[in-house]
Amino acid sequence: MRCSRFQHRPKRIARREERNAFAYIVMTLAWIAGMVGGAVVLGAFLHSSVHGELHVGALGSGAILGLMPACAGLVRFVRGHYHSALDEP
């Protein structure tokens, strides 16, 4: 038997359900927020190229929204959602 921190079956099943719910709900919302953030950053740069003034607030909020998928992926990694022991029966 493999030494794992998910040896207790009910804990492993609960963590697997958490992983699946996180992947379907939170990661979907994070990717949508990332796309919106990319559009805001693109809009800020287009506005800057046309009008010659850069909206730092729009650029900052777009950058923060654009980093949401990376932050959610880091949370998944820290919580152990990528661990191979979660796929055991």
C-alpha atoms as a PDB file:
ATOM      1  CA  MET A   1       0.000   0.000   0.000  1.00  0.00           C
ATOM      2  CA  ARG A   2       1.219   3.426  -0.900  1.00  0.00           C
ATOM      3  CA  CYS A   3       2.010   5.877   1.860  1.00  0.00           C
ATOM      4  CA  SER A   4      -0.325   8.774   1.374  1.00  0.00           C
ATOM      5  CA  ARG A   5      -1.817  11.538   3.393  1.00  0.00           C
ATOM      6  CA  PHE A   6      -5.216  10.530   1.962  1.00  0.00           C
ATOM      7  CA  GLN A   7      -5.264   6.992   3.390  1.00  0.00           C
ATOM      8  CA  HIS A   8      -8.473   7.556   5.318  1.00  0.00           C
ATOM      9  CA  ARG A   9     -11.165   6.715   2.741  1.00  0.00           C
ATOM     10  CA  PRO A  10     -13.937   9.136   3.880  1.00  0.00           C
ATOM     11  CA  LYS A  11     -11.436  11.993   3.922  1.00  0.00           C
ATOM     12  CA  ARG A  12     -10.217  11.038   0.448  1.00  0.00           C
ATOM     13  CA  ILE A  13     -13.780  10.889  -0.903  1.00  0.00           C
ATOM     14  CA  ALA A  14     -14.608  14.270   0.640  1.00  0.00           C
ATOM     15  CA  ARG A  15     -11.438  15.804  -0.806  1.00  0.00           C
ATOM     16  CA  ARG A  16     -12.278  14.311  -4.225  1.00  0.00           C
ATOM     17  CA  GLU A  17     -15.751  15.884  -4.099  1.00  0.00           C
ATOM     18  CA  GLU A  18     -14.182  19.187  -3.065  1.00  0.00           C
ATOM     19  CA  ARG A  19     -11.738  18.933  -5.990  1.00  0.00           C
ATOM     20  CA  ASN A  20     -14.515  18.267  -8.485  1.00  0.00           C
ATOM     21  CA  ALA A  21     -16.748  21.058  -7.184  1.00  0.00           C
ATOM     22  CA  PHE A  22     -13.821  23.476  -7.140  1.00  0.00           C
ATOM     23  CA  ALA A  23     -12.855  22.531 -10.686  1.00  0.00           C
ATOM     24  CA  TYR A  24     -16.347  22.922 -12.098  1.00  0.00           C
ATOM     25  CA  ILE A  25     -17.515  26.015 -10.232  1.00  0.00           C
ATOM     26  CA  VAL A  26     -14.588  28.097  -9.021  1.00  0.00           C
ATOM     27  CA  MET A  27     -12.229  27.439 -11.928  1.00  0.00           C
ATOM     28  CA  THR A  28     -14.977  28.234 -14.438  1.00  0.00           C
ATOM     29  CA  LEU A  29     -15.637  31.544 -12.715  1.00  0.00           C
ATOM     30  CA  ALA A  30     -11.899  32.227 -12.482  1.00  0.00           C
ATOM     31  CA  TRP A  31     -11.440  31.645 -16.233  1.00  0.00           C
ATOM     32  CA  ILE A  32     -14.383  33.937 -16.999  1.00  0.00           C
ATOM     33  CA  ALA A  33     -12.898  36.604 -14.713  1.00  0.00           C
ATOM     34  CA  GLY A  34      -9.539  36.127 -16.441  1.00  0.00           C
ATOM     35  CA  MET A  35     -11.105  36.695 -19.857  1.00  0.00           C
ATOM     36  CA  VAL A  36     -12.929  39.797 -18.600  1.00  0.00           C
ATOM     37  CA  GLY A  37      -9.654  41.052 -17.113  1.00  0.00           C
ATOM     38  CA  GLY A  38      -7.854  40.494 -20.398  1.00  0.00           C
ATOM     39  CA  ALA A  39     -10.577  42.422 -22.214  1.00  0.00           C
ATOM     40  CA  VAL A  40     -10.300  45.290 -19.709  1.00  0.00           C
ATOM     41  CA  VAL A  41      -6.508  45.429 -20.142  1.00  0.00           C
ATOM     42  CA  LEU A  42      -6.910  45.372 -23.922  1.00  0.00           C
ATOM     43  CA  GLY A  43      -9.523  48.118 -23.691  1.00  0.00           C
ATOM     44  CA  ALA A  44      -7.225  50.224 -21.512  1.00  0.00           C
ATOM     45  CA  PHE A  45      -4.403  49.888 -24.032  1.00  0.00           C
ATOM     46  CA  LEU A  46      -6.697  50.658 -26.965  1.00  0.00           C
ATOM     47  CA  HIS A  47      -7.992  53.726 -25.134  1.00  0.00           C
ATOM     48  CA  SER A  48      -4.399  54.732 -24.457  1.00  0.00           C
ATOM     49  CA  SER A  49      -3.438  54.402 -28.107  1.00  0.00           C
ATOM     50  CA  VAL A  50      -6.424  56.438 -29.324  1.00  0.00           C
ATOM     51  CA  HIS A  51      -6.645  59.162 -26.674  1.00  0.00           C
ATOM     52  CA  GLY A  52      -3.059  59.220 -25.403  1.00  0.00           C
ATOM     53  CA  GLU A  53      -3.932  58.727 -21.731  1.00  0.00           C
ATOM     54  CA  LEU A  54      -3.643  55.495 -19.792  1.00  0.00           C
ATOM     55  CA  HIS A  55      -6.292  54.625 -17.205  1.00  0.00           C
ATOM     56  CA  VAL A  56      -4.204  53.059 -14.464  1.00  0.00           C
ATOM     57  CA  GLY A  57      -7.262  51.993 -12.476  1.00  0.00           C
ATOM     58  CA  ALA A  58      -8.673  50.029 -15.397  1.00  0.00           C
ATOM     59  CA  LEU A  59      -5.267  48.536 -16.117  1.00  0.00           C
ATOM     60  CA  GLY A  60      -4.798  47.468 -12.482  1.00  0.00           C
ATOM     61  CA  SER A  61      -8.259  45.974 -12.093  1.00  0.00           C
ATOM     62  CA  GLY A  62      -7.896  44.161 -15.411  1.00  0.00           C
ATOM     63  CA  ALA A  63      -4.532  42.757 -14.336  1.00  0.00           C
ATOM     64  CA  ILE A  64      -5.970  41.544 -11.034  1.00  0.00           C
ATOM     65  CA  LEU A  65      -8.899  39.880 -12.806  1.00  0.00           C
ATOM     66  CA  GLY A  66      -6.493  38.402 -15.342  1.00  0.00           C
ATOM     67  CA  LEU A  67      -4.521  36.712 -12.564  1.00  0.00           C
ATOM     68  CA  MET A  68      -7.578  34.979 -11.085  1.00  0.00           C
ATOM     69  CA  PRO A  69      -7.027  31.642 -12.913  1.00  0.00           C
ATOM     70  CA  ALA A  70      -3.424  31.491 -11.706  1.00  0.00           C
ATOM     71  CA  CYS A  71      -4.477  32.221  -8.116  1.00  0.00           C
ATOM     72  CA  ALA A  72      -7.225  29.590  -8.242  1.00  0.00           C
ATOM     73  CA  GLY A  73      -4.759  27.071  -9.687  1.00  0.00           C
ATOM     74  CA  LEU A  74      -2.342  27.828  -6.868  1.00  0.00           C
ATOM     75  CA  VAL A  75      -5.114  27.256  -4.308  1.00  0.00           C
ATOM     76  CA  ARG A  76      -5.909  23.922  -5.981  1.00  0.00           C
ATOM     77  CA  PHE A  77      -2.245  22.928  -5.797  1.00  0.00           C
ATOM     78  CA  VAL A  78      -1.926  23.890  -2.127  1.00  0.00           C
ATOM     79  CA  ARG A  79      -5.143  22.029  -1.236  1.00  0.00           C
ATOM     80  CA  GLY A  80      -3.813  18.866  -2.898  1.00  0.00           C
ATOM     81  CA  HIS A  81      -6.334  18.665  -5.735  1.00  0.00           C
ATOM     82  CA  TYR A  82      -3.655  17.431  -8.151  1.00  0.00           C
ATOM     83  CA  HIS A  83      -2.541  14.566  -5.880  1.00  0.00           C
ATOM     84  CA  SER A  84      -2.723  11.169  -7.588  1.00  0.00           C
ATOM     85  CA  ALA A  85      -4.016   9.467  -4.426  1.00  0.00           C
ATOM     86  CA  LEU A  86      -7.375  11.192  -4.872  1.00  0.00           C
ATOM     87  CA  ASP A  87      -8.080   8.985  -7.889  1.00  0.00           C
ATOM     88  CA  GLU A  88      -7.768   5.768  -5.898  1.00  0.00           C
ATOM     89  CA  PRO A  89     -11.046   3.955  -5.089  1.00  0.00           C
END
